Amino acid sequence: MTTTPPPAPIHPASLPPVLVLGGGPDAEREVSLRSSKAVAEALAQRGHAVHNSVINRLTGPELATLPGGVVFPVLHGGWGEGGPLQDLLEADGRPFVGCGAGAARLAMDKFATKLIAAALGVPTAPAALVNPADRGLPLSAPAVFKPVHEGSSVGLHVCRDDAALAAAHEAVLADIAANPGRVYMIERALLGGRELTVGVLDGHALPIVEIIPAGGVYDYTAKYASPETRYTVAPRLPDGLGEAITTHALALARAIGVRHLCRIDFILGADGVPWLLEVNTMPGFTGQSLLPKAAAHAGIGFGELCERLAAMAVRDGPGPARAASPTMCSGSAC
């Protein structure tokens, strides 16, 4: 793999006070609170002035009253990660970590992401939107139901047989009826495949991480509550497969307009094909989170990772993503 070091971190003395945002109104609020607390503590330990603010669904004027010269929004979910908060941050005018609003909306939309991937030649499983007016389904089991605009496997239904599919369909229809505007998709399930994820840091691919959930499904519990979920950084893969997955991840991140960071998930099917699952533009920053694990393997500790991201925001300022050259990095040269 080619290695190109990203920009050197800004010296702590030249980094303005950092406003770390956590919480939000989304289903992943508790994870966000843990992530934002960890980021704020790590930045403070490296000598930065930090303001850690827990928010709900704040307004532009409310955001303007919060102190800090650069904003690090560590929120996960449709509002905090999928565009609305990024609209406020762009209007606020301060540099902020992460995607601009347009890219955030694209990446949060799992169906739109699949369309972009297909246009790029990135393998993605057959899928369709669920129309609550239709009792029939375009796919049979094994299949997966997913909310189109949620993350962290919120609302995930894995259906191994037709009975499970029918029961999950009823649950999905009830959820849509109770939450107007919620959109679900159904996707062909790739059961038993190896789950692989690629972290992207400033246009550079971090080492691949393999996820091995004890129960076979990497759902919300496996991500944040199960001590039995195992992770292997830089796993052994068939020749050329790691490079192919990394190339797919970087091409997709660039096409969406990702800036600073993202994590892109794949599943390696029995056919040997790495199938795209989804893109996360603000991955978790908890003890079990995958992008920090990959960065640490590449020689970038948690505190330095947070510092680099704040420095990237200062470098780029507010606004949409700028084009990045896709490169791969591993080891201490990252």
Protein backbone atom coordinates (compact mmCIF):
# COMPACT_ATOMS: atom_id res chain seq x y z
CA MET A 1 0.00 0.00 0.00
CA THR A 2 1.11 3.57 -0.63
CA THR A 3 1.53 5.69 2.48
CA THR A 4 1.24 9.46 2.64
CA PRO A 5 1.31 11.23 6.01
CA PRO A 6 -1.57 13.61 6.65
CA PRO A 7 -0.83 17.19 7.71
CA ALA A 8 1.10 17.55 10.95
CA PRO A 9 -1.09 18.43 13.94
CA ILE A 10 -1.38 22.10 14.85
CA HIS A 11 0.59 22.93 18.01
CA PRO A 12 -1.72 23.04 21.04
CA ALA A 13 -0.92 26.71 21.66
CA SER A 14 -2.36 27.69 18.27
CA LEU A 15 -5.60 25.67 18.51
CA PRO A 16 -8.54 27.86 19.62
CA PRO A 17 -10.85 26.75 22.42
CA VAL A 18 -12.84 23.71 21.29
CA LEU A 19 -16.61 23.46 21.74
CA VAL A 20 -17.47 19.75 21.97
CA LEU A 21 -21.14 19.01 21.37
CA GLY A 22 -22.86 15.83 22.54
CA GLY A 23 -26.35 14.49 23.09
CA GLY A 24 -28.93 15.51 20.51
CA PRO A 25 -32.49 14.28 19.97
CA ASP A 26 -31.64 11.09 18.08
CA ALA A 27 -31.90 7.46 19.17
CA GLU A 28 -28.13 7.34 19.62
CA ARG A 29 -28.07 10.10 22.27
CA GLU A 30 -26.51 7.93 24.98
CA VAL A 31 -23.68 6.84 22.70
CA SER A 32 -23.13 10.47 21.72
CA LEU A 33 -22.86 11.50 25.38
CA ARG A 34 -20.18 8.88 25.96
CA SER A 35 -18.33 9.80 22.76
CA SER A 36 -18.37 13.55 23.40
CA LYS A 37 -17.21 13.12 27.01
CA ALA A 38 -14.26 11.03 25.81
CA VAL A 39 -13.32 13.59 23.13
CA ALA A 40 -13.54 16.52 25.56
CA GLU A 41 -11.42 14.75 28.16
CA ALA A 42 -8.81 13.73 25.58
CA LEU A 43 -8.46 17.27 24.24
CA ALA A 44 -8.21 18.71 27.74
CA GLN A 45 -5.50 16.20 28.62
CA ARG A 46 -3.49 17.45 25.64
CA GLY A 47 -3.61 20.99 26.97
CA HIS A 48 -6.50 22.47 24.99
CA ALA A 49 -9.23 24.74 26.32
CA VAL A 50 -12.44 22.74 25.99
CA HIS A 51 -16.12 23.56 26.49
CA ASN A 52 -18.21 20.37 26.64
CA SER A 53 -21.88 21.13 25.98
CA VAL A 54 -24.77 18.65 26.13
CA ILE A 55 -27.49 19.72 23.70
CA ASN A 56 -30.88 18.57 22.53
CA ARG A 57 -32.29 20.07 19.30
CA LEU A 58 -30.72 23.51 19.59
CA THR A 59 -31.37 26.53 17.37
CA GLY A 60 -28.92 28.75 15.51
CA PRO A 61 -29.16 31.56 18.12
CA GLU A 62 -28.62 29.02 20.90
CA LEU A 63 -25.55 27.64 19.12
CA ALA A 64 -24.18 31.18 18.73
CA THR A 65 -24.21 31.67 22.52
CA LEU A 66 -21.99 28.64 23.16
CA PRO A 67 -18.28 29.44 23.62
CA GLY A 68 -15.43 28.11 21.53
CA GLY A 69 -13.49 28.98 18.41
CA VAL A 70 -13.84 25.58 16.71
CA VAL A 71 -16.71 23.11 17.07
CA PHE A 72 -16.35 19.34 17.44
CA PRO A 73 -19.90 17.90 17.08
CA VAL A 74 -19.84 14.31 18.34
CA LEU A 75 -23.46 13.44 17.57
CA HIS A 76 -24.80 10.32 15.89
CA GLY A 77 -28.11 9.94 14.07
CA GLY A 78 -30.38 11.77 11.65
CA TRP A 79 -30.42 15.20 13.26
CA GLY A 80 -26.91 15.35 14.68
CA GLU A 81 -25.05 13.55 11.90
CA GLY A 82 -27.39 13.71 8.93
CA GLY A 83 -27.53 17.39 7.94
CA PRO A 84 -29.73 19.53 10.24
CA LEU A 85 -26.98 20.25 12.76
CA GLN A 86 -24.49 20.78 9.93
CA ASP A 87 -26.84 23.40 8.44
CA LEU A 88 -26.65 25.26 11.76
CA LEU A 89 -22.87 24.89 11.96
CA GLU A 90 -22.38 26.27 8.45
CA ALA A 91 -24.60 29.25 9.26
CA ASP A 92 -22.77 29.76 12.57
CA GLY A 93 -19.53 30.35 10.68
CA ARG A 94 -17.05 28.73 13.04
CA PRO A 95 -14.79 25.92 11.81
CA PHE A 96 -16.26 22.52 12.66
CA VAL A 97 -15.20 18.91 12.47
CA GLY A 98 -16.87 16.66 9.91
CA CYS A 99 -18.90 16.86 6.72
CA GLY A 100 -20.77 19.81 5.38
CA ALA A 101 -24.56 19.55 5.39
CA GLY A 102 -24.97 18.20 1.85
CA ALA A 103 -22.50 15.35 2.28
CA ALA A 104 -23.92 14.57 5.73
CA ARG A 105 -27.41 14.18 4.26
CA LEU A 106 -26.17 11.94 1.44
CA ALA A 107 -24.22 9.65 3.74
CA MET A 108 -27.06 9.35 6.28
CA ASP A 109 -29.42 8.29 3.48
CA LYS A 110 -28.58 4.60 3.12
CA PHE A 111 -30.52 4.29 -0.13
CA ALA A 112 -28.87 7.30 -1.76
CA THR A 113 -25.49 5.95 -0.65
CA LYS A 114 -26.27 2.65 -2.38
CA LEU A 115 -27.12 4.46 -5.61
CA ILE A 116 -23.82 6.38 -5.51
CA ALA A 117 -21.95 3.15 -4.76
CA ALA A 118 -23.61 1.35 -7.67
CA ALA A 119 -22.65 4.17 -10.03
CA LEU A 120 -19.03 3.81 -8.86
CA GLY A 121 -19.02 0.05 -9.32
CA VAL A 122 -18.88 -0.61 -5.57
CA PRO A 123 -20.83 -3.84 -4.90
CA THR A 124 -24.03 -3.26 -2.96
CA ALA A 125 -26.82 -5.78 -2.32
CA PRO A 126 -30.25 -5.49 -3.98
CA ALA A 127 -32.63 -3.32 -1.96
CA ALA A 128 -35.91 -1.45 -2.16
CA LEU A 129 -37.79 1.13 -0.11
CA VAL A 130 -40.67 -0.15 2.01
CA ASN A 131 -43.99 1.38 0.98
CA PRO A 132 -46.47 1.12 3.86
CA ALA A 133 -49.34 1.01 1.36
CA ASP A 134 -48.06 -2.28 -0.08
CA ARG A 135 -48.51 -5.58 1.76
CA GLY A 136 -46.15 -7.43 -0.54
CA LEU A 137 -42.35 -7.24 -0.45
CA PRO A 138 -39.91 -7.23 -3.38
CA LEU A 139 -37.41 -9.50 -1.57
CA SER A 140 -37.78 -12.80 0.26
CA ALA A 141 -35.77 -14.11 3.19
CA PRO A 142 -32.97 -13.89 4.08
CA ALA A 143 -33.38 -10.12 4.19
CA VAL A 144 -32.76 -7.12 6.43
CA PHE A 145 -35.03 -4.19 7.27
CA LYS A 146 -33.24 -0.91 8.10
CA PRO A 147 -34.42 2.64 8.72
CA VAL A 148 -32.96 4.71 5.89
CA HIS A 149 -31.95 7.66 8.07
CA GLU A 150 -30.66 6.08 11.31
CA GLY A 151 -27.27 4.78 12.38
CA SER A 152 -25.80 2.34 14.94
CA SER A 153 -28.12 -0.42 13.67
CA VAL A 154 -31.12 1.33 15.26
CA GLY A 155 -34.30 -0.37 14.05
CA LEU A 156 -32.41 -3.23 12.38
CA HIS A 157 -34.38 -6.45 11.70
CA VAL A 158 -32.42 -9.45 10.40
CA CYS A 159 -34.79 -12.03 8.92
CA ARG A 160 -33.43 -15.51 8.28
CA ASP A 161 -36.71 -17.09 7.17
CA ASP A 162 -40.13 -16.11 5.86
CA ALA A 163 -41.79 -16.21 9.29
CA ALA A 164 -39.25 -13.75 10.68
CA LEU A 165 -39.66 -11.61 7.57
CA ALA A 166 -43.44 -11.39 8.01
CA ALA A 167 -43.14 -10.51 11.71
CA ALA A 168 -40.48 -7.88 11.04
CA HIS A 169 -42.58 -6.39 8.23
CA GLU A 170 -45.47 -5.90 10.66
CA ALA A 171 -43.12 -4.27 13.18
CA VAL A 172 -41.74 -1.96 10.50
CA LEU A 173 -45.22 -0.93 9.35
CA ALA A 174 -46.21 -0.20 12.96
CA ASP A 175 -43.06 1.91 13.45
CA ILE A 176 -43.78 3.89 10.28
CA ALA A 177 -47.38 4.47 11.41
CA ALA A 178 -46.18 5.69 14.82
CA ASN A 179 -43.44 7.88 13.36
CA PRO A 180 -44.67 9.69 10.23
CA GLY A 181 -41.80 10.46 7.91
CA ARG A 182 -39.70 7.46 8.96
CA VAL A 183 -38.53 5.51 5.92
CA TYR A 184 -37.40 1.88 5.85
CA MET A 185 -35.61 -0.17 3.24
CA ILE A 186 -35.39 -3.91 2.76
CA GLU A 187 -32.09 -5.36 1.60
CA ARG A 188 -30.87 -8.82 0.69
CA ALA A 189 -29.09 -10.25 3.75
CA LEU A 190 -25.59 -11.66 3.47
CA LEU A 191 -25.62 -14.02 6.43
CA GLY A 192 -22.44 -15.49 7.79
CA GLY A 193 -20.14 -13.06 6.00
CA ARG A 194 -17.13 -11.35 7.56
CA GLU A 195 -17.92 -7.80 8.71
CA LEU A 196 -15.14 -5.38 7.75
CA THR A 197 -14.86 -1.65 8.22
CA VAL A 198 -12.52 1.04 6.87
CA GLY A 199 -11.89 4.29 8.71
CA VAL A 200 -11.01 7.26 6.54
CA LEU A 201 -9.02 10.09 8.12
CA ASP A 202 -8.49 13.24 6.03
CA GLY A 203 -8.66 11.29 2.77
CA HIS A 204 -6.39 8.49 4.01
CA ALA A 205 -7.55 4.95 4.71
CA LEU A 206 -6.76 3.54 8.13
CA PRO A 207 -6.19 -0.19 8.65
CA ILE A 208 -9.21 -2.42 8.09
CA VAL A 209 -10.97 -3.72 11.22
CA GLU A 210 -12.86 -7.03 11.29
CA ILE A 211 -15.86 -7.22 13.64
CA ILE A 212 -16.77 -10.60 15.14
CA PRO A 213 -20.03 -10.32 17.12
CA ALA A 214 -20.72 -13.27 19.41
CA GLY A 215 -24.32 -13.53 18.25
CA GLY A 216 -23.49 -13.29 14.57
CA VAL A 217 -25.21 -9.90 14.07
CA TYR A 218 -23.48 -6.57 14.74
CA ASP A 219 -26.55 -4.81 16.14
CA TYR A 220 -26.82 -2.00 18.70
CA THR A 221 -26.22 -4.35 21.65
CA ALA A 222 -23.18 -5.95 20.03
CA LYS A 223 -21.74 -2.49 19.30
CA TYR A 224 -22.16 -0.86 22.68
CA ALA A 225 -23.12 -3.35 25.38
CA SER A 226 -21.65 -6.79 24.67
CA PRO A 227 -18.21 -7.61 26.07
CA GLU A 228 -18.14 -10.65 23.77
CA THR A 229 -17.85 -8.72 20.50
CA ARG A 230 -14.30 -9.15 19.19
CA TYR A 231 -12.30 -6.90 16.86
CA THR A 232 -9.26 -7.70 14.74
CA VAL A 233 -7.30 -4.78 13.30
CA ALA A 234 -5.56 -5.48 9.98
CA PRO A 235 -7.07 -8.99 9.65
CA ARG A 236 -5.67 -11.60 7.28
CA LEU A 237 -7.57 -11.35 3.98
CA PRO A 238 -7.24 -12.99 0.57
CA ASP A 239 -4.61 -11.41 -1.69
CA GLY A 240 -5.76 -8.07 -3.10
CA LEU A 241 -9.01 -7.96 -1.14
CA GLY A 242 -7.83 -5.39 1.42
CA GLU A 243 -6.67 -3.08 -1.35
CA ALA A 244 -10.00 -3.51 -3.18
CA ILE A 245 -12.04 -2.69 -0.06
CA THR A 246 -9.89 0.34 0.68
CA THR A 247 -10.16 1.57 -2.89
CA HIS A 248 -13.96 1.22 -2.75
CA ALA A 249 -14.11 3.09 0.57
CA LEU A 250 -11.99 6.00 -0.60
CA ALA A 251 -13.87 6.34 -3.90
CA LEU A 252 -17.21 6.39 -2.10
CA ALA A 253 -16.04 8.89 0.53
CA ARG A 254 -14.79 11.20 -2.19
CA ALA A 255 -17.98 10.89 -4.26
CA ILE A 256 -20.17 11.72 -1.26
CA GLY A 257 -17.97 14.69 -0.34
CA VAL A 258 -16.79 13.42 3.05
CA ARG A 259 -14.26 15.59 4.86
CA HIS A 260 -12.09 14.90 7.89
CA LEU A 261 -13.41 11.46 8.84
CA CYS A 262 -15.83 8.67 8.17
CA ARG A 263 -16.16 4.93 8.61
CA ILE A 264 -17.40 2.71 5.79
CA ASP A 265 -18.74 -0.77 6.53
CA PHE A 266 -18.66 -3.83 4.28
CA ILE A 267 -19.57 -7.48 4.56
CA LEU A 268 -17.46 -10.09 2.80
CA GLY A 269 -19.88 -12.59 1.32
CA ALA A 270 -19.33 -16.29 0.73
CA ASP A 271 -18.82 -15.30 -2.91
CA GLY A 272 -15.66 -13.41 -1.96
CA VAL A 273 -17.25 -10.06 -2.82
CA PRO A 274 -17.01 -7.15 -0.32
CA TRP A 275 -20.56 -5.76 -0.26
CA LEU A 276 -21.15 -2.21 0.96
CA LEU A 277 -23.30 -1.81 4.07
CA GLU A 278 -23.22 1.91 4.96
CA VAL A 279 -21.23 5.10 5.55
CA ASN A 280 -20.91 6.79 8.97
CA THR A 281 -19.69 10.39 8.87
CA MET A 282 -19.33 10.76 12.64
CA PRO A 283 -18.23 7.37 13.96
CA GLY A 284 -18.28 6.63 17.66
CA PHE A 285 -15.54 7.75 20.03
CA THR A 286 -16.25 5.28 22.86
CA GLY A 287 -13.98 2.56 24.21
CA GLN A 288 -15.43 0.08 21.71
CA SER A 289 -15.39 2.40 18.70
CA LEU A 290 -13.74 1.21 15.52
CA LEU A 291 -12.13 4.28 13.94
CA PRO A 292 -10.09 5.06 17.09
CA LYS A 293 -8.98 1.39 17.21
CA ALA A 294 -7.76 1.60 13.61
CA ALA A 295 -6.05 4.95 14.21
CA ALA A 296 -4.26 3.56 17.26
CA HIS A 297 -2.98 0.63 15.19
CA ALA A 298 -1.61 3.20 12.73
CA GLY A 299 0.23 4.99 15.52
CA ILE A 300 -2.31 7.75 16.23
CA GLY A 301 -3.48 7.65 19.85
CA PHE A 302 -6.96 8.77 20.88
CA GLY A 303 -5.90 12.21 22.11
CA GLU A 304 -3.84 12.91 19.03
CA LEU A 305 -6.71 11.73 16.82
CA CYS A 306 -9.09 14.24 18.45
CA GLU A 307 -6.47 16.98 18.20
CA ARG A 308 -5.83 16.28 14.53
CA LEU A 309 -9.54 16.46 13.75
CA ALA A 310 -9.91 19.82 15.48
CA ALA A 311 -6.84 21.03 13.57
CA MET A 312 -8.38 19.89 10.27
CA ALA A 313 -11.48 21.94 11.06
CA VAL A 314 -9.35 25.03 11.69
CA ARG A 315 -7.48 24.40 8.45
CA ASP A 316 -10.64 23.97 6.34
CA GLY A 317 -13.10 26.32 8.05
CA PRO A 318 -16.86 25.90 7.84
CA GLY A 319 -18.66 24.77 4.72
CA PRO A 320 -18.86 21.87 2.30
CA ALA A 321 -16.20 19.24 1.83
CA ARG A 322 -13.29 19.90 -0.45
CA ALA A 323 -11.97 17.25 -2.80
CA ALA A 324 -9.33 14.95 -1.36
CA SER A 325 -6.84 12.72 -3.12
CA PRO A 326 -7.54 9.09 -2.23
CA THR A 327 -4.49 7.58 -0.55
CA MET A 328 -3.92 4.74 1.86
CA CYS A 329 -1.99 4.89 5.08
CA SER A 330 -0.83 2.42 7.68
CA GLY A 331 1.71 2.32 10.44
CA SER A 332 3.43 5.20 12.15
CA ALA A 333 3.76 7.17 8.89
CA CYS A 334 0.02 8.00 9.08
